Amino acid sequence: MDSLKGGEQGYAIEFYGGKKMGMVPIVVYIIISAGLAIFFQVYSMKGLAVASVIGLFADFFFVKEKAKYWKVIIKGLTQFGNSKLIFTFILIGLFTKLLTVGNIGSGFVWLSTQLGITGSDFVVFTFIASTIISMGTGAPIAAVFAVVPIFYPPGIMLGAKAAVLVGAILSGVFFGDAMSPSSQVINTTIDTQDP
């Protein structure tokens, strides 16, 4: 029987073409999100959301019982961990938009010039700030989307090397996520372990 178990309630999803068709959403998501990033320079949550929705609809055509498919998807979205993650992404999006509209980057440049902070000093500040923001979000991708528009442009304007600044941002984000008690990676690891 070509099916995937959908949780404790025993939803069985059967696909035309076998179990491997259950990988269609993941493959479509990777191809579309990578294509948007590489060819169109779209680095936002909107691009990732569009890729995931297209992936879900692409797999819909291979499902034998359409109603069960959507029940499993809705059940997955309503689980506490997933709902928390979606809520985190929404809040990070609002937070980032607020800081971007408030032109915080110019504020960082002004304050840094007043205090005599150079590009290399700003890289250290960026690492520490990225770590703190990532500890609060618990989701490294959301933290990356939050800190890049806030710290990257001011860092470049202050003379930081682009590669070093990006390294500080990514290092800070993943270091903060590793230390976060609400880390998405840690919670996923714990949830997958046997009781």
N, C-alpha and C. Protein backbone atom coordinates (compact mmCIF):
# COMPACT_ATOMS: atom_id res chain seq x y z
N MET A 1 0.84 -1.18 0.00
CA MET A 1 0.00 0.00 0.00
C MET A 1 0.89 1.24 0.00
N ASP A 2 0.68 2.15 -0.94
CA ASP A 2 1.47 3.37 -1.06
C ASP A 2 0.83 4.46 -0.21
N SER A 3 1.29 4.61 1.01
CA SER A 3 0.68 5.60 1.90
C SER A 3 1.72 6.18 2.82
N LEU A 4 1.38 7.31 3.37
CA LEU A 4 2.18 7.93 4.42
C LEU A 4 1.27 8.13 5.61
N LYS A 5 1.75 7.75 6.79
CA LYS A 5 0.93 7.91 7.98
C LYS A 5 0.92 9.37 8.39
N GLY A 6 -0.25 9.85 8.73
CA GLY A 6 -0.39 11.26 9.06
C GLY A 6 -0.65 11.51 10.51
N GLY A 7 0.06 10.86 11.40
CA GLY A 7 -0.07 11.18 12.80
C GLY A 7 -0.84 10.15 13.57
N GLU A 8 -1.22 10.50 14.80
CA GLU A 8 -1.83 9.57 15.71
C GLU A 8 -3.24 9.16 15.29
N GLN A 9 -3.94 10.02 14.54
CA GLN A 9 -5.30 9.69 14.16
C GLN A 9 -5.32 8.70 12.99
N GLY A 10 -4.16 8.36 12.45
CA GLY A 10 -4.09 7.32 11.44
C GLY A 10 -4.50 7.75 10.05
N TYR A 11 -4.37 9.03 9.71
CA TYR A 11 -4.63 9.42 8.33
C TYR A 11 -3.63 8.70 7.44
N ALA A 12 -4.10 8.06 6.42
CA ALA A 12 -3.21 7.43 5.45
C ALA A 12 -3.39 8.15 4.13
N ILE A 13 -2.30 8.71 3.63
CA ILE A 13 -2.37 9.41 2.36
C ILE A 13 -1.79 8.50 1.30
N GLU A 14 -2.57 8.23 0.29
CA GLU A 14 -2.11 7.39 -0.81
C GLU A 14 -1.87 8.26 -2.03
N PHE A 15 -0.74 8.00 -2.70
CA PHE A 15 -0.34 8.79 -3.85
C PHE A 15 -0.37 7.95 -5.12
N TYR A 16 -0.77 8.57 -6.22
CA TYR A 16 -0.57 7.95 -7.52
C TYR A 16 0.93 8.00 -7.78
N GLY A 17 1.53 6.87 -8.02
CA GLY A 17 2.96 6.84 -8.26
C GLY A 17 3.77 6.38 -7.06
N GLY A 18 3.13 6.13 -5.95
CA GLY A 18 3.82 5.58 -4.79
C GLY A 18 4.23 6.61 -3.75
N LYS A 19 4.90 6.10 -2.70
CA LYS A 19 5.30 6.94 -1.57
C LYS A 19 6.25 8.06 -1.97
N LYS A 20 7.06 7.82 -2.99
CA LYS A 20 8.04 8.83 -3.39
C LYS A 20 7.38 10.14 -3.81
N MET A 21 6.11 10.09 -4.17
CA MET A 21 5.41 11.32 -4.56
C MET A 21 5.18 12.24 -3.35
N GLY A 22 5.34 11.69 -2.15
CA GLY A 22 5.25 12.52 -0.95
C GLY A 22 6.41 13.50 -0.82
N MET A 23 7.46 13.29 -1.61
CA MET A 23 8.62 14.20 -1.61
C MET A 23 8.44 15.39 -2.55
N VAL A 24 7.39 15.38 -3.35
CA VAL A 24 7.18 16.45 -4.33
C VAL A 24 7.17 17.85 -3.69
N PRO A 25 6.45 18.08 -2.57
CA PRO A 25 6.46 19.43 -2.01
C PRO A 25 7.85 19.92 -1.62
N ILE A 26 8.67 19.02 -1.08
CA ILE A 26 10.02 19.40 -0.65
C ILE A 26 10.88 19.75 -1.85
N VAL A 27 10.82 18.91 -2.88
CA VAL A 27 11.62 19.16 -4.09
C VAL A 27 11.19 20.45 -4.77
N VAL A 28 9.88 20.66 -4.90
CA VAL A 28 9.37 21.89 -5.53
C VAL A 28 9.78 23.11 -4.70
N TYR A 29 9.68 23.00 -3.38
CA TYR A 29 10.06 24.10 -2.49
C TYR A 29 11.54 24.47 -2.68
N ILE A 30 12.40 23.47 -2.71
CA ILE A 30 13.84 23.74 -2.86
C ILE A 30 14.13 24.38 -4.21
N ILE A 31 13.54 23.84 -5.27
CA ILE A 31 13.80 24.38 -6.61
C ILE A 31 13.31 25.82 -6.74
N ILE A 32 12.08 26.09 -6.29
CA ILE A 32 11.52 27.44 -6.44
C ILE A 32 12.24 28.44 -5.54
N SER A 33 12.46 28.09 -4.27
CA SER A 33 13.12 29.05 -3.37
C SER A 33 14.56 29.31 -3.81
N ALA A 34 15.26 28.29 -4.28
CA ALA A 34 16.62 28.49 -4.78
C ALA A 34 16.59 29.33 -6.05
N GLY A 35 15.64 29.06 -6.94
CA GLY A 35 15.52 29.84 -8.18
C GLY A 35 15.21 31.30 -7.90
N LEU A 36 14.32 31.55 -6.95
CA LEU A 36 14.00 32.95 -6.59
C LEU A 36 15.23 33.66 -6.03
N ALA A 37 15.99 32.96 -5.20
CA ALA A 37 17.16 33.58 -4.59
C ALA A 37 18.29 33.79 -5.61
N ILE A 38 18.54 32.79 -6.45
CA ILE A 38 19.68 32.86 -7.37
C ILE A 38 19.39 33.76 -8.57
N PHE A 39 18.24 33.57 -9.21
CA PHE A 39 17.98 34.28 -10.46
C PHE A 39 17.26 35.61 -10.29
N PHE A 40 16.46 35.75 -9.23
CA PHE A 40 15.68 36.98 -9.06
C PHE A 40 16.06 37.77 -7.81
N GLN A 41 17.04 37.30 -7.04
CA GLN A 41 17.51 37.94 -5.82
C GLN A 41 16.36 38.26 -4.86
N VAL A 42 15.45 37.32 -4.71
CA VAL A 42 14.35 37.45 -3.76
C VAL A 42 14.75 36.71 -2.49
N TYR A 43 15.03 37.46 -1.42
CA TYR A 43 15.49 36.87 -0.17
C TYR A 43 14.50 37.19 0.95
N SER A 44 13.26 36.92 0.75
CA SER A 44 12.28 37.28 1.77
C SER A 44 11.42 36.08 2.13
N MET A 45 10.68 36.24 3.20
CA MET A 45 9.77 35.19 3.63
C MET A 45 8.65 35.00 2.62
N LYS A 46 8.32 36.05 1.87
CA LYS A 46 7.27 35.92 0.86
C LYS A 46 7.67 34.89 -0.19
N GLY A 47 8.93 34.92 -0.61
CA GLY A 47 9.40 33.95 -1.59
C GLY A 47 9.34 32.53 -1.06
N LEU A 48 9.73 32.35 0.20
CA LEU A 48 9.67 31.02 0.80
C LEU A 48 8.24 30.54 0.97
N ALA A 49 7.34 31.45 1.32
CA ALA A 49 5.93 31.09 1.47
C ALA A 49 5.33 30.69 0.13
N VAL A 50 5.64 31.45 -0.92
CA VAL A 50 5.13 31.12 -2.26
C VAL A 50 5.64 29.75 -2.69
N ALA A 51 6.93 29.48 -2.45
CA ALA A 51 7.50 28.19 -2.83
C ALA A 51 6.83 27.04 -2.09
N SER A 52 6.54 27.22 -0.81
CA SER A 52 5.91 26.14 -0.04
C SER A 52 4.46 25.90 -0.48
N VAL A 53 3.73 26.97 -0.76
CA VAL A 53 2.33 26.81 -1.22
C VAL A 53 2.29 26.12 -2.57
N ILE A 54 3.18 26.52 -3.49
CA ILE A 54 3.22 25.87 -4.81
C ILE A 54 3.58 24.39 -4.65
N GLY A 55 4.51 24.08 -3.73
CA GLY A 55 4.87 22.69 -3.49
C GLY A 55 3.70 21.86 -2.98
N LEU A 56 2.91 22.43 -2.07
CA LEU A 56 1.74 21.71 -1.56
C LEU A 56 0.70 21.48 -2.64
N PHE A 57 0.47 22.49 -3.47
CA PHE A 57 -0.51 22.34 -4.54
C PHE A 57 -0.01 21.38 -5.63
N ALA A 58 1.30 21.35 -5.87
CA ALA A 58 1.85 20.43 -6.86
C ALA A 58 1.62 18.98 -6.42
N ASP A 59 1.78 18.69 -5.13
CA ASP A 59 1.57 17.33 -4.62
C ASP A 59 0.10 16.95 -4.59
N PHE A 60 -0.76 17.95 -4.52
CA PHE A 60 -2.20 17.73 -4.46
C PHE A 60 -2.68 16.89 -5.65
N PHE A 61 -2.06 17.06 -6.80
CA PHE A 61 -2.50 16.35 -8.00
C PHE A 61 -2.13 14.86 -7.98
N PHE A 62 -1.22 14.47 -7.09
CA PHE A 62 -0.81 13.07 -7.01
C PHE A 62 -1.50 12.31 -5.88
N VAL A 63 -2.37 12.97 -5.12
CA VAL A 63 -3.04 12.36 -3.98
C VAL A 63 -4.34 11.70 -4.43
N LYS A 64 -4.58 10.50 -3.91
CA LYS A 64 -5.81 9.78 -4.28
C LYS A 64 -7.03 10.35 -3.57
N GLU A 65 -6.89 10.65 -2.27
CA GLU A 65 -8.02 11.20 -1.51
C GLU A 65 -7.67 12.62 -1.09
N LYS A 66 -8.22 13.58 -1.80
CA LYS A 66 -7.86 14.99 -1.63
C LYS A 66 -8.21 15.53 -0.24
N ALA A 67 -9.36 15.14 0.31
CA ALA A 67 -9.79 15.66 1.61
C ALA A 67 -8.82 15.25 2.71
N LYS A 68 -8.35 14.00 2.67
CA LYS A 68 -7.40 13.53 3.68
C LYS A 68 -6.10 14.32 3.62
N TYR A 69 -5.68 14.65 2.41
CA TYR A 69 -4.43 15.41 2.21
C TYR A 69 -4.50 16.74 2.95
N TRP A 70 -5.61 17.45 2.77
CA TRP A 70 -5.73 18.77 3.42
C TRP A 70 -5.92 18.63 4.93
N LYS A 71 -6.55 17.54 5.38
CA LYS A 71 -6.69 17.32 6.82
C LYS A 71 -5.32 17.14 7.47
N VAL A 72 -4.44 16.38 6.81
CA VAL A 72 -3.10 16.16 7.34
C VAL A 72 -2.31 17.47 7.36
N ILE A 73 -2.45 18.27 6.31
CA ILE A 73 -1.74 19.56 6.26
C ILE A 73 -2.24 20.49 7.37
N ILE A 74 -3.55 20.56 7.53
CA ILE A 74 -4.11 21.43 8.58
C ILE A 74 -3.72 20.92 9.96
N LYS A 75 -3.72 19.60 10.14
CA LYS A 75 -3.29 19.04 11.43
C LYS A 75 -1.84 19.43 11.73
N GLY A 76 -1.00 19.38 10.70
CA GLY A 76 0.39 19.78 10.88
C GLY A 76 0.54 21.25 11.23
N LEU A 77 -0.28 22.09 10.62
CA LEU A 77 -0.21 23.53 10.92
C LEU A 77 -0.72 23.87 12.31
N THR A 78 -1.64 23.06 12.81
CA THR A 78 -2.22 23.36 14.12
C THR A 78 -1.44 22.78 15.29
N GLN A 79 -0.39 22.00 15.02
CA GLN A 79 0.44 21.51 16.11
C GLN A 79 1.15 22.69 16.75
N PHE A 80 1.35 22.61 18.05
CA PHE A 80 1.88 23.75 18.80
C PHE A 80 3.22 24.23 18.26
N GLY A 81 4.14 23.32 18.00
CA GLY A 81 5.47 23.71 17.52
C GLY A 81 5.40 24.44 16.19
N ASN A 82 4.58 23.94 15.28
CA ASN A 82 4.45 24.58 13.98
C ASN A 82 3.75 25.93 14.08
N SER A 83 2.71 25.99 14.91
CA SER A 83 2.00 27.27 15.09
C SER A 83 2.92 28.31 15.71
N LYS A 84 3.73 27.88 16.67
CA LYS A 84 4.68 28.80 17.30
C LYS A 84 5.68 29.33 16.28
N LEU A 85 6.13 28.45 15.41
CA LEU A 85 7.09 28.85 14.38
C LEU A 85 6.47 29.85 13.41
N ILE A 86 5.25 29.59 12.97
CA ILE A 86 4.56 30.51 12.05
C ILE A 86 4.37 31.87 12.73
N PHE A 87 3.95 31.85 13.99
CA PHE A 87 3.76 33.10 14.74
C PHE A 87 5.09 33.85 14.87
N THR A 88 6.18 33.12 15.10
CA THR A 88 7.50 33.74 15.21
C THR A 88 7.88 34.42 13.91
N PHE A 89 7.64 33.75 12.78
CA PHE A 89 7.96 34.35 11.49
C PHE A 89 7.14 35.62 11.24
N ILE A 90 5.88 35.60 11.64
CA ILE A 90 5.05 36.80 11.47
C ILE A 90 5.59 37.95 12.31
N LEU A 91 5.91 37.67 13.57
CA LEU A 91 6.44 38.72 14.45
C LEU A 91 7.79 39.25 13.96
N ILE A 92 8.66 38.35 13.49
CA ILE A 92 9.95 38.78 12.97
C ILE A 92 9.76 39.66 11.73
N GLY A 93 8.80 39.29 10.89
CA GLY A 93 8.50 40.11 9.71
C GLY A 93 8.06 41.51 10.10
N LEU A 94 7.18 41.60 11.10
CA LEU A 94 6.72 42.91 11.58
C LEU A 94 7.86 43.70 12.21
N PHE A 95 8.67 43.02 13.02
CA PHE A 95 9.81 43.66 13.68
C PHE A 95 10.80 44.21 12.67
N THR A 96 11.12 43.41 11.66
CA THR A 96 12.07 43.83 10.64
C THR A 96 11.53 44.99 9.84
N LYS A 97 10.26 44.93 9.47
CA LYS A 97 9.65 46.01 8.69
C LYS A 97 9.65 47.31 9.51
N LEU A 98 9.34 47.21 10.78
CA LEU A 98 9.33 48.39 11.65
C LEU A 98 10.71 49.02 11.72
N LEU A 99 11.73 48.20 11.89
CA LEU A 99 13.09 48.73 11.98
C LEU A 99 13.58 49.27 10.65
N THR A 100 13.17 48.64 9.56
CA THR A 100 13.57 49.12 8.24
C THR A 100 12.89 50.44 7.91
N VAL A 101 11.59 50.53 8.16
CA VAL A 101 10.86 51.77 7.90
C VAL A 101 11.37 52.88 8.82
N GLY A 102 11.74 52.53 10.04
CA GLY A 102 12.29 53.50 10.98
C GLY A 102 13.72 53.91 10.64
N ASN A 103 14.28 53.33 9.59
CA ASN A 103 15.62 53.67 9.10
C ASN A 103 16.67 53.50 10.19
N ILE A 104 16.62 52.36 10.85
CA ILE A 104 17.57 52.11 11.94
C ILE A 104 19.00 52.02 11.43
N GLY A 105 19.16 51.61 10.16
CA GLY A 105 20.51 51.52 9.60
C GLY A 105 21.22 52.86 9.61
N SER A 106 20.50 53.93 9.26
CA SER A 106 21.09 55.27 9.30
C SER A 106 21.42 55.67 10.73
N GLY A 107 20.59 55.23 11.66
CA GLY A 107 20.86 55.50 13.07
C GLY A 107 22.14 54.83 13.54
N PHE A 108 22.35 53.58 13.08
CA PHE A 108 23.59 52.88 13.43
C PHE A 108 24.81 53.59 12.83
N VAL A 109 24.67 54.05 11.59
CA VAL A 109 25.79 54.75 10.95
C VAL A 109 26.09 56.04 11.70
N TRP A 110 25.06 56.82 12.03
CA TRP A 110 25.25 58.09 12.74
C TRP A 110 25.90 57.84 14.11
N LEU A 111 25.35 56.89 14.87
CA LEU A 111 25.88 56.61 16.21
C LEU A 111 27.32 56.11 16.13
N SER A 112 27.60 55.26 15.14
CA SER A 112 28.96 54.73 15.00
C SER A 112 29.96 55.83 14.66
N THR A 113 29.56 56.77 13.81
CA THR A 113 30.48 57.87 13.47
C THR A 113 30.68 58.79 14.67
N GLN A 114 29.64 58.97 15.47
CA GLN A 114 29.76 59.81 16.66
C GLN A 114 30.68 59.17 17.70
N LEU A 115 30.63 57.84 17.80
CA LEU A 115 31.44 57.12 18.78
C LEU A 115 32.80 56.68 18.23
N GLY A 116 33.03 56.93 16.94
CA GLY A 116 34.30 56.55 16.33
C GLY A 116 34.43 55.06 16.07
N ILE A 117 33.30 54.40 15.86
CA ILE A 117 33.30 52.96 15.61
C ILE A 117 33.59 52.71 14.13
N THR A 118 34.56 51.85 13.86
CA THR A 118 34.92 51.54 12.48
C THR A 118 34.18 50.28 12.02
N GLY A 119 34.46 49.89 10.78
CA GLY A 119 33.82 48.71 10.22
C GLY A 119 34.09 47.44 11.00
N SER A 120 35.34 47.26 11.44
CA SER A 120 35.68 46.03 12.17
C SER A 120 35.00 46.00 13.55
N ASP A 121 34.88 47.16 14.19
CA ASP A 121 34.16 47.21 15.46
C ASP A 121 32.68 46.92 15.26
N PHE A 122 32.15 47.40 14.14
CA PHE A 122 30.73 47.17 13.85
C PHE A 122 30.47 45.68 13.59
N VAL A 123 31.46 44.98 13.03
CA VAL A 123 31.32 43.54 12.80
C VAL A 123 31.15 42.82 14.13
N VAL A 124 31.93 43.20 15.13
CA VAL A 124 31.81 42.59 16.46
C VAL A 124 30.44 42.88 17.06
N PHE A 125 29.99 44.15 16.94
CA PHE A 125 28.66 44.52 17.42
C PHE A 125 27.59 43.71 16.70
N THR A 126 27.74 43.52 15.38
CA THR A 126 26.77 42.77 14.59
C THR A 126 26.69 41.32 15.07
N PHE A 127 27.83 40.72 15.37
CA PHE A 127 27.83 39.34 15.88
C PHE A 127 27.05 39.25 17.18
N ILE A 128 27.33 40.16 18.10
CA ILE A 128 26.66 40.13 19.42
C ILE A 128 25.16 40.38 19.26
N ALA A 129 24.79 41.38 18.45
CA ALA A 129 23.37 41.69 18.25
C ALA A 129 22.65 40.55 17.54
N SER A 130 23.29 39.93 16.56
CA SER A 130 22.68 38.79 15.86
C SER A 130 22.46 37.62 16.80
N THR A 131 23.41 37.41 17.71
CA THR A 131 23.28 36.34 18.70
C THR A 131 22.07 36.58 19.60
N ILE A 132 21.93 37.80 20.08
CA ILE A 132 20.82 38.13 20.99
C ILE A 132 19.47 38.02 20.28
N ILE A 133 19.40 38.54 19.06
CA ILE A 133 18.13 38.46 18.31
C ILE A 133 17.78 37.01 18.02
N SER A 134 18.76 36.20 17.64
CA SER A 134 18.50 34.80 17.34
C SER A 134 18.08 34.02 18.58
N MET A 135 18.63 34.35 19.73
CA MET A 135 18.20 33.68 20.96
C MET A 135 16.73 33.95 21.24
N GLY A 136 16.27 35.12 20.87
CA GLY A 136 14.87 35.47 21.09
C GLY A 136 13.92 34.83 20.11
N THR A 137 14.36 34.64 18.86
CA THR A 137 13.45 34.10 17.85
C THR A 137 13.32 32.59 17.95
N GLY A 138 14.42 31.89 18.19
CA GLY A 138 14.38 30.44 18.23
C GLY A 138 14.31 29.80 16.85
N ALA A 139 14.40 30.60 15.79
CA ALA A 139 14.36 30.10 14.42
C ALA A 139 15.45 30.80 13.62
N PRO A 140 16.50 30.08 13.23
CA PRO A 140 17.63 30.75 12.59
C PRO A 140 17.28 31.45 11.28
N ILE A 141 16.41 30.87 10.47
CA ILE A 141 16.07 31.51 9.19
C ILE A 141 15.34 32.82 9.44
N ALA A 142 14.43 32.83 10.40
CA ALA A 142 13.72 34.07 10.74
C ALA A 142 14.70 35.12 11.24
N ALA A 143 15.67 34.71 12.04
CA ALA A 143 16.66 35.66 12.56
C ALA A 143 17.52 36.22 11.44
N VAL A 144 17.90 35.38 10.47
CA VAL A 144 18.69 35.88 9.33
C VAL A 144 17.91 36.95 8.57
N PHE A 145 16.63 36.66 8.31
CA PHE A 145 15.80 37.65 7.61
C PHE A 145 15.63 38.93 8.42
N ALA A 146 15.72 38.82 9.73
CA ALA A 146 15.57 40.01 10.58
C ALA A 146 16.85 40.84 10.61
N VAL A 147 18.00 40.20 10.73
CA VAL A 147 19.23 40.97 10.98
C VAL A 147 19.93 41.45 9.72
N VAL A 148 19.79 40.75 8.60
CA VAL A 148 20.50 41.18 7.39
C VAL A 148 20.12 42.59 6.96
N PRO A 149 18.82 42.92 6.82
CA PRO A 149 18.51 44.29 6.39
C PRO A 149 18.84 45.36 7.44
N ILE A 150 18.98 44.95 8.68
CA ILE A 150 19.27 45.92 9.74
C ILE A 150 20.76 46.21 9.85
N PHE A 151 21.60 45.17 9.76
CA PHE A 151 23.04 45.34 10.03
C PHE A 151 23.94 45.34 8.80
N TYR A 152 23.50 44.71 7.70
CA TYR A 152 24.40 44.62 6.55
C TYR A 152 24.66 45.98 5.89
N PRO A 153 23.62 46.76 5.53
CA PRO A 153 23.91 48.05 4.87
C PRO A 153 24.75 49.01 5.73
N PRO A 154 24.43 49.18 7.03
CA PRO A 154 25.28 50.07 7.83
C PRO A 154 26.72 49.57 7.95
N GLY A 155 26.89 48.25 8.04
CA GLY A 155 28.22 47.70 8.14
C GLY A 155 29.06 48.01 6.91
N ILE A 156 28.47 47.87 5.75
CA ILE A 156 29.17 48.19 4.50
C ILE A 156 29.50 49.68 4.44
N MET A 157 28.54 50.53 4.86
CA MET A 157 28.77 51.98 4.85
C MET A 157 29.89 52.38 5.81
N LEU A 158 30.07 51.61 6.87
CA LEU A 158 31.11 51.92 7.85
C LEU A 158 32.47 51.31 7.48
N GLY A 159 32.51 50.58 6.36
CA GLY A 159 33.78 50.06 5.88
C GLY A 159 34.08 48.62 6.23
N ALA A 160 33.11 47.88 6.71
CA ALA A 160 33.34 46.47 7.01
C ALA A 160 33.43 45.68 5.71
N LYS A 161 34.25 44.65 5.70
CA LYS A 161 34.34 43.79 4.52
C LYS A 161 33.08 42.93 4.45
N ALA A 162 32.52 42.83 3.26
CA ALA A 162 31.23 42.15 3.08
C ALA A 162 31.27 40.70 3.57
N ALA A 163 32.31 39.97 3.21
CA ALA A 163 32.38 38.55 3.59
C ALA A 163 32.49 38.38 5.11
N VAL A 164 33.25 39.25 5.74
CA VAL A 164 33.41 39.17 7.19
C VAL A 164 32.11 39.53 7.89
N LEU A 165 31.42 40.55 7.36
CA LEU A 165 30.14 40.97 7.95
C LEU A 165 29.09 39.87 7.83
N VAL A 166 29.00 39.25 6.66
CA VAL A 166 28.06 38.14 6.47
C VAL A 166 28.41 36.98 7.40
N GLY A 167 29.70 36.71 7.54
CA GLY A 167 30.14 35.66 8.46
C GLY A 167 29.75 35.96 9.89
N ALA A 168 29.87 37.23 10.30
CA ALA A 168 29.48 37.61 11.66
C ALA A 168 27.97 37.45 11.86
N ILE A 169 27.19 37.82 10.84
CA ILE A 169 25.74 37.69 10.94
C ILE A 169 25.34 36.22 11.07
N LEU A 170 25.85 35.39 10.16
CA LEU A 170 25.48 33.97 10.19
C LEU A 170 26.00 33.27 11.45
N SER A 171 27.22 33.60 11.84
CA SER A 171 27.78 33.00 13.06
C SER A 171 26.97 33.40 14.28
N GLY A 172 26.62 34.67 14.36
CA GLY A 172 25.82 35.14 15.49
C GLY A 172 24.46 34.50 15.52
N VAL A 173 23.82 34.36 14.36
CA VAL A 173 22.49 33.76 14.30
C VAL A 173 22.53 32.30 14.76
N PHE A 174 23.47 31.53 14.24
CA PHE A 174 23.50 30.10 14.60
C PHE A 174 24.05 29.87 16.01
N PHE A 175 24.93 30.74 16.47
CA PHE A 175 25.40 30.65 17.86
C PHE A 175 24.25 30.97 18.82
N GLY A 176 23.50 32.02 18.51
CA GLY A 176 22.35 32.37 19.35
C GLY A 176 21.29 31.30 19.33
N ASP A 177 21.06 30.69 18.17
CA ASP A 177 20.07 29.61 18.09
C ASP A 177 20.51 28.41 18.91
N ALA A 178 21.80 28.11 18.90
CA ALA A 178 22.31 26.98 19.68
C ALA A 178 22.16 27.22 21.17
N MET A 179 22.22 28.48 21.61
CA MET A 179 22.10 28.80 23.03
C MET A 179 20.65 29.05 23.46
N SER A 180 19.75 29.18 22.50
CA SER A 180 18.36 29.54 22.81
C SER A 180 17.60 28.36 23.43
N PRO A 181 16.88 28.61 24.53
CA PRO A 181 16.06 27.53 25.10
C PRO A 181 14.86 27.20 24.23
N SER A 182 14.49 28.10 23.31
CA SER A 182 13.35 27.84 22.43
C SER A 182 13.81 27.57 21.00
N SER A 183 15.00 27.01 20.84
CA SER A 183 15.56 26.75 19.52
C SER A 183 14.70 25.78 18.73
N GLN A 184 14.41 26.14 17.50
CA GLN A 184 13.64 25.28 16.62
C GLN A 184 14.37 23.96 16.39
N VAL A 185 15.67 24.02 16.18
CA VAL A 185 16.45 22.81 15.92
C VAL A 185 16.44 21.88 17.13
N ILE A 186 16.65 22.44 18.31
CA ILE A 186 16.67 21.62 19.53
C ILE A 186 15.30 21.02 19.80
N ASN A 187 14.24 21.82 19.65
CA ASN A 187 12.88 21.31 19.88
C ASN A 187 12.53 20.21 18.89
N THR A 188 12.94 20.37 17.63
CA THR A 188 12.68 19.33 16.63
C THR A 188 13.42 18.05 16.98
N THR A 189 14.65 18.20 17.43
CA THR A 189 15.43 17.03 17.82
C THR A 189 14.79 16.31 18.99
N ILE A 190 14.33 17.04 19.97
CA ILE A 190 13.69 16.44 21.14
C ILE A 190 12.39 15.77 20.75
N ASP A 191 11.60 16.41 19.86
CA ASP A 191 10.32 15.85 19.45
C ASP A 191 10.46 14.55 18.67
N THR A 192 11.60 14.37 17.99
CA THR A 192 11.77 13.17 17.18
C THR A 192 12.29 11.99 17.97
N GLN A 193 12.67 12.19 19.22
CA GLN A 193 13.22 11.11 20.03
C GLN A 193 12.10 10.25 20.60
N ASP A 194 12.39 8.99 20.83
CA ASP A 194 11.42 8.10 21.43
C ASP A 194 11.20 8.51 22.88
N PRO A 195 9.94 8.35 23.38
CA PRO A 195 9.68 8.73 24.79
C PRO A 195 10.42 7.85 25.77
